[in-house]
Amino acid sequence: MGALDDRLVPEASGLAVSSDGLRLYHVNDSGGGPFLYSSALDGSDLRRLRLAGDVSSLDPEALALAKLDGKPVVIVGDIGDNTLRRRFVDLLAVPENAISADRAPVQSHLRARYLDGPHNAEGLAAAPNGDLYIFTKSWAETVRDPAPSRIYRVRADAWRSASPEPIAMEFVGEIDLPTLATRERAPFSDVVTDVSMARDGSRFLVLTYGYAWEFALDLNEGSLPPTDALERGRDYELIRLPTILGKETITYLPGDRAFLFGKEFRADSKPSQLIRLDCAPGR
């Protein structure tokens, strides 16, 4: 589709499409500061929008478009934690109708914590009812080997809490991508770099450095089935992607029959490309 100007977004890390389907939202990782970015669907007309409010220490990692009280908001997630030291993560809600050419006012700021200790995460998805799901980018403790991705929920009503203390996230379940990647012989497809949920909540996309996975699992139904019980063609599909380095962003397009995925710039010093894939006819 196009590419992002790496002078503004050198390390694209989050991607979401606007509610009208006409523009994209982006965030920049690794000290990108309190900014949201907006562009056309091909990456042109890239604009930097300052996140208004007390968010000077923000280091955004992920994006999702959600509805809170029936109104579309862009959720900016500061959820990365490579050193596993953070006591909480930060989630910001930006009303779409308040975004201007250079400013993105923050309506609400929510802090959330894991009950089982810190986790690093790069994937954030929003369900139709406003619940948010964080997918961890997990590694084994003793060696640098991938581990199952743990999924946590932040319920929509948490935004109504007046308490300044971080709210506790709910553990939903896990998906053992290392096991699936080995089963499917899908190299470099075992850690989560981004996620996106279909508008009806029935499916979600998981991006990795290798392939993408689409899971036909409803996270609102309760506990997830064990990974060993998942069947290709029924519970998930494996999607082969073009071979490029640093795949970090993914989002369904309106209608959920196509998606965009992108890469960061620094992985191979090439522009942050945006690539569209459409569902095969009859599928």
Protein backbone atom coordinates (compact mmCIF):
# COMPACT_ATOMS: atom_id res chain seq x y z
CA MET A 1 0.00 0.00 0.00
CA GLY A 2 2.82 2.40 0.84
CA ALA A 3 5.28 3.35 3.55
CA LEU A 4 5.62 5.68 6.53
CA ASP A 5 8.07 8.56 6.68
CA ASP A 6 10.79 7.17 8.97
CA ARG A 7 11.78 10.69 10.02
CA LEU A 8 8.49 10.84 11.95
CA VAL A 9 7.95 7.14 12.71
CA PRO A 10 11.30 5.32 12.80
CA GLU A 11 9.98 2.37 14.80
CA ALA A 12 6.31 1.72 14.01
CA SER A 13 4.87 -0.37 16.83
CA GLY A 14 1.07 -0.09 16.78
CA LEU A 15 -1.57 0.19 14.08
CA ALA A 16 -5.33 0.80 14.03
CA VAL A 17 -7.80 1.91 11.38
CA SER A 18 -10.22 4.76 12.07
CA SER A 19 -13.90 4.02 12.63
CA ASP A 20 -14.78 5.44 9.19
CA GLY A 21 -12.10 3.31 7.54
CA LEU A 22 -10.41 6.29 5.89
CA ARG A 23 -7.30 6.80 8.03
CA LEU A 24 -4.75 4.88 10.05
CA TYR A 25 -3.37 5.51 13.52
CA HIS A 26 0.22 4.67 14.47
CA VAL A 27 2.54 4.83 17.48
CA ASN A 28 6.32 4.95 17.60
CA ASP A 29 8.25 2.69 19.99
CA SER A 30 11.48 3.13 21.98
CA GLY A 31 11.18 6.59 23.44
CA GLY A 32 8.71 7.87 20.89
CA GLY A 33 7.17 10.19 23.47
CA PRO A 34 3.55 11.26 24.05
CA PHE A 35 2.44 11.23 20.43
CA LEU A 36 -0.14 9.54 18.27
CA TYR A 37 0.29 9.55 14.49
CA SER A 38 -2.31 9.60 11.74
CA SER A 39 -1.99 8.85 8.02
CA ALA A 40 -3.93 7.92 4.91
CA LEU A 41 -4.35 4.20 4.22
CA ASP A 42 -1.20 4.18 2.09
CA GLY A 43 0.91 5.90 4.77
CA SER A 44 0.86 9.32 3.08
CA ASP A 45 -0.27 12.53 4.79
CA LEU A 46 1.47 11.40 7.99
CA ARG A 47 0.73 13.74 10.93
CA ARG A 48 2.11 13.82 14.45
CA LEU A 49 -0.57 14.44 17.09
CA ARG A 50 0.46 15.43 20.59
CA LEU A 51 -1.34 13.48 23.30
CA ALA A 52 -2.71 16.24 25.52
CA GLY A 53 -2.50 15.71 29.29
CA ASP A 54 -0.01 14.51 31.89
CA VAL A 55 1.59 11.82 29.71
CA SER A 56 5.15 13.11 29.31
CA SER A 57 6.69 9.78 30.35
CA LEU A 58 4.59 7.72 27.93
CA ASP A 59 6.35 5.19 25.69
CA PRO A 60 3.54 3.79 23.48
CA GLU A 61 3.77 0.21 22.27
CA ALA A 62 0.32 -0.75 20.92
CA LEU A 63 -3.00 0.59 19.61
CA ALA A 64 -6.62 -0.52 19.40
CA LEU A 65 -9.84 1.13 18.32
CA ALA A 66 -12.57 0.55 20.91
CA LYS A 67 -15.97 1.84 21.92
CA LEU A 68 -16.53 3.25 25.39
CA ASP A 69 -20.09 4.24 26.26
CA GLY A 70 -20.95 3.76 22.61
CA LYS A 71 -18.38 6.24 21.28
CA PRO A 72 -15.22 5.31 19.31
CA VAL A 73 -11.93 5.91 21.11
CA VAL A 74 -8.34 5.19 20.21
CA ILE A 75 -6.67 3.20 22.99
CA VAL A 76 -2.96 3.95 23.28
CA GLY A 77 -1.18 1.21 25.22
CA ASP A 78 2.11 1.70 27.04
CA ILE A 79 2.45 -2.02 27.72
CA GLY A 80 6.05 -2.87 26.82
CA ASP A 81 8.39 -4.09 29.55
CA ASN A 82 11.51 -5.76 28.17
CA THR A 83 13.23 -5.76 31.58
CA LEU A 84 10.13 -7.05 33.46
CA ARG A 85 10.31 -4.35 36.11
CA ARG A 86 7.09 -2.36 35.74
CA ARG A 87 4.45 -2.49 38.47
CA PHE A 88 1.66 -1.50 36.05
CA VAL A 89 0.88 -0.62 32.43
CA ASP A 90 -0.77 2.55 31.13
CA LEU A 91 -3.80 2.74 28.85
CA LEU A 92 -5.05 6.03 27.39
CA ALA A 93 -8.45 6.62 25.77
CA VAL A 94 -8.53 9.30 23.05
CA PRO A 95 -12.00 10.17 21.67
CA GLU A 96 -11.91 10.06 17.89
CA ASN A 97 -14.19 13.08 17.53
CA ALA A 98 -11.72 15.21 19.53
CA ILE A 99 -8.69 14.49 17.33
CA SER A 100 -7.51 17.50 15.35
CA ALA A 101 -4.74 18.04 12.80
CA ASP A 102 -2.03 18.17 15.48
CA ARG A 103 -3.63 17.26 18.82
CA ALA A 104 -5.19 14.19 20.43
CA PRO A 105 -6.82 14.99 23.81
CA VAL A 106 -6.72 12.17 26.37
CA GLN A 107 -10.17 11.58 27.87
CA SER A 108 -9.18 8.90 30.39
CA HIS A 109 -5.97 7.38 31.76
CA LEU A 110 -6.14 3.89 33.22
CA ARG A 111 -3.41 1.95 35.00
CA ALA A 112 -3.60 -1.84 35.20
CA ARG A 113 -1.44 -4.52 36.79
CA TYR A 114 -0.89 -8.24 36.40
CA LEU A 115 -1.66 -10.33 39.46
CA ASP A 116 1.18 -12.75 38.67
CA GLY A 117 4.00 -10.22 38.24
CA PRO A 118 5.35 -8.13 35.35
CA HIS A 119 5.05 -9.19 31.71
CA ASN A 120 6.33 -7.77 28.45
CA ALA A 121 3.60 -7.25 25.84
CA GLU A 122 3.18 -5.78 22.38
CA GLY A 123 -0.34 -6.92 21.47
CA LEU A 124 -3.52 -5.01 22.38
CA ALA A 125 -7.02 -5.78 21.04
CA ALA A 126 -10.51 -4.42 21.74
CA ALA A 127 -13.70 -6.49 21.91
CA PRO A 128 -17.09 -5.13 20.74
CA ASN A 129 -18.20 -4.53 24.34
CA GLY A 130 -15.14 -2.36 25.07
CA ASP A 131 -13.12 -4.98 26.94
CA LEU A 132 -9.40 -4.86 26.17
CA TYR A 133 -7.08 -7.84 25.80
CA ILE A 134 -3.33 -7.76 26.26
CA PHE A 135 -1.24 -10.57 24.73
CA THR A 136 2.20 -11.06 26.24
CA LYS A 137 5.39 -11.43 24.24
CA SER A 138 6.68 -14.27 26.37
CA TRP A 139 10.07 -15.85 26.77
CA ALA A 140 11.21 -18.72 29.00
CA GLU A 141 12.87 -17.59 32.23
CA THR A 142 16.13 -19.52 31.96
CA VAL A 143 16.94 -19.30 28.24
CA ARG A 144 16.01 -16.99 25.41
CA ASP A 145 13.36 -19.36 24.08
CA PRO A 146 9.76 -18.41 23.23
CA ALA A 147 7.05 -19.31 25.72
CA PRO A 148 3.23 -19.41 25.42
CA SER A 149 1.53 -16.03 25.10
CA ARG A 150 -0.63 -15.23 28.12
CA ILE A 151 -3.81 -13.23 27.54
CA TYR A 152 -5.21 -10.75 30.08
CA ARG A 153 -8.47 -8.78 30.08
CA VAL A 154 -9.23 -5.23 31.19
CA ARG A 155 -13.00 -4.91 31.42
CA ALA A 156 -14.69 -1.86 29.90
CA ASP A 157 -16.24 -0.79 33.21
CA ALA A 158 -12.74 -0.33 34.68
CA TRP A 159 -12.64 3.10 33.03
CA ARG A 160 -15.41 4.23 35.38
CA SER A 161 -13.29 3.60 38.47
CA ALA A 162 -12.26 6.75 40.30
CA SER A 163 -9.44 5.02 42.20
CA PRO A 164 -5.90 6.17 41.37
CA GLU A 165 -4.59 2.68 42.18
CA PRO A 166 -3.91 0.30 39.27
CA ILE A 167 -6.79 -2.10 38.63
CA ALA A 168 -6.08 -5.83 38.48
CA MET A 169 -6.26 -7.54 35.09
CA GLU A 170 -8.00 -10.90 34.63
CA PHE A 171 -6.07 -13.86 33.24
CA VAL A 172 -8.07 -15.36 30.36
CA GLY A 173 -5.80 -18.14 29.14
CA GLU A 174 -2.81 -18.74 26.93
CA ILE A 175 -1.94 -19.78 23.39
CA ASP A 176 1.18 -21.87 22.96
CA LEU A 177 2.52 -20.40 19.73
CA PRO A 178 5.86 -22.25 20.00
CA THR A 179 3.94 -25.55 19.90
CA LEU A 180 1.76 -24.42 16.98
CA ALA A 181 4.74 -23.02 15.05
CA THR A 182 6.58 -26.32 15.45
CA ARG A 183 3.49 -28.29 14.38
CA GLU A 184 2.97 -26.11 11.30
CA ARG A 185 6.68 -25.72 10.49
CA ALA A 186 6.29 -21.95 10.60
CA PRO A 187 9.69 -20.41 11.42
CA PHE A 188 9.88 -17.26 13.58
CA SER A 189 6.12 -17.46 14.25
CA ASP A 190 6.17 -18.10 17.98
CA VAL A 191 6.11 -14.69 19.72
CA VAL A 192 3.35 -12.05 19.53
CA THR A 193 4.28 -8.68 18.05
CA ASP A 194 0.73 -7.32 17.57
CA VAL A 195 -2.93 -8.39 17.56
CA SER A 196 -6.25 -7.19 16.14
CA MET A 197 -9.81 -8.34 16.83
CA ALA A 198 -12.69 -8.62 14.35
CA ARG A 199 -15.56 -6.18 14.88
CA ASP A 200 -17.90 -8.93 16.13
CA GLY A 201 -15.29 -10.41 18.47
CA SER A 202 -15.45 -13.87 16.89
CA ARG A 203 -11.90 -13.86 15.49
CA PHE A 204 -8.56 -12.24 16.15
CA LEU A 205 -5.31 -11.88 14.26
CA VAL A 206 -1.93 -12.52 15.87
CA LEU A 207 1.17 -11.16 14.15
CA THR A 208 4.62 -12.67 14.65
CA TYR A 209 8.02 -12.04 13.08
CA GLY A 210 7.27 -14.85 10.62
CA TYR A 211 3.63 -15.61 9.77
CA ALA A 212 0.28 -14.35 11.01
CA TRP A 213 -2.34 -16.50 12.75
CA GLU A 214 -6.10 -15.98 12.67
CA PHE A 215 -7.90 -17.64 15.57
CA ALA A 216 -11.65 -18.35 15.51
CA LEU A 217 -11.89 -18.15 19.30
CA ASP A 218 -14.23 -15.91 21.27
CA LEU A 219 -12.28 -14.54 24.22
CA ASN A 220 -15.52 -13.47 25.93
CA GLU A 221 -16.70 -17.06 26.24
CA GLY A 222 -14.43 -17.78 29.20
CA SER A 223 -11.46 -20.10 29.36
CA LEU A 224 -9.58 -20.95 26.16
CA PRO A 225 -9.24 -24.56 25.02
CA PRO A 226 -5.78 -26.09 25.42
CA THR A 227 -3.48 -25.44 22.46
CA ASP A 228 -3.11 -29.18 21.77
CA ALA A 229 -6.87 -29.34 21.10
CA LEU A 230 -6.85 -26.57 18.48
CA GLU A 231 -7.35 -27.68 14.87
CA ARG A 232 -6.24 -25.84 11.76
CA GLY A 233 -9.24 -24.95 9.58
CA ARG A 234 -11.59 -25.00 12.56
CA ASP A 235 -9.89 -23.00 15.32
CA TYR A 236 -7.15 -21.21 13.43
CA GLU A 237 -5.56 -20.49 10.08
CA LEU A 238 -1.90 -19.87 9.35
CA ILE A 239 -1.29 -16.94 7.00
CA ARG A 240 1.97 -16.76 5.04
CA LEU A 241 3.32 -13.21 4.84
CA PRO A 242 5.94 -11.62 2.61
CA THR A 243 9.45 -12.10 3.97
CA ILE A 244 10.42 -8.78 5.53
CA LEU A 245 12.18 -8.05 8.80
CA GLY A 246 10.59 -6.51 11.89
CA LYS A 247 6.88 -7.23 11.44
CA GLU A 248 5.32 -5.22 14.30
CA THR A 249 1.84 -3.95 13.38
CA ILE A 250 -1.46 -5.46 12.20
CA THR A 251 -5.10 -4.39 11.95
CA TYR A 252 -8.29 -5.68 10.36
CA LEU A 253 -9.81 -3.35 7.79
CA PRO A 254 -13.55 -2.57 7.89
CA GLY A 255 -15.57 -5.68 7.05
CA ASP A 256 -12.84 -7.94 8.50
CA ARG A 257 -12.19 -9.52 5.08
CA ALA A 258 -8.79 -7.87 4.70
CA PHE A 259 -6.03 -6.63 6.95
CA LEU A 260 -2.98 -4.41 6.90
CA PHE A 261 0.31 -5.31 8.48
CA GLY A 262 3.47 -3.29 8.76
CA LYS A 263 7.09 -3.36 9.79
CA GLU A 264 9.31 -1.14 11.82
CA PHE A 265 12.08 0.83 10.14
CA ARG A 266 15.09 -0.07 12.26
CA ALA A 267 15.07 -3.83 11.71
CA ASP A 268 16.65 -3.52 8.26
CA SER A 269 16.87 0.28 7.74
CA LYS A 270 14.12 0.13 5.13
CA PRO A 271 10.90 2.19 5.34
CA SER A 272 8.00 1.10 7.55
CA GLN A 273 6.00 -0.59 4.81
CA LEU A 274 2.23 -1.16 4.89
CA ILE A 275 1.02 -4.31 3.14
CA ARG A 276 -2.59 -5.36 2.54
CA LEU A 277 -3.82 -8.96 2.38
CA ASP A 278 -7.35 -9.89 1.36
CA CYS A 279 -9.29 -13.03 2.30
CA ALA A 280 -9.39 -15.59 -0.49
CA PRO A 281 -12.72 -15.70 -2.41
CA GLY A 282 -15.16 -18.17 -0.90
CA ARG A 283 -13.38 -18.31 2.46
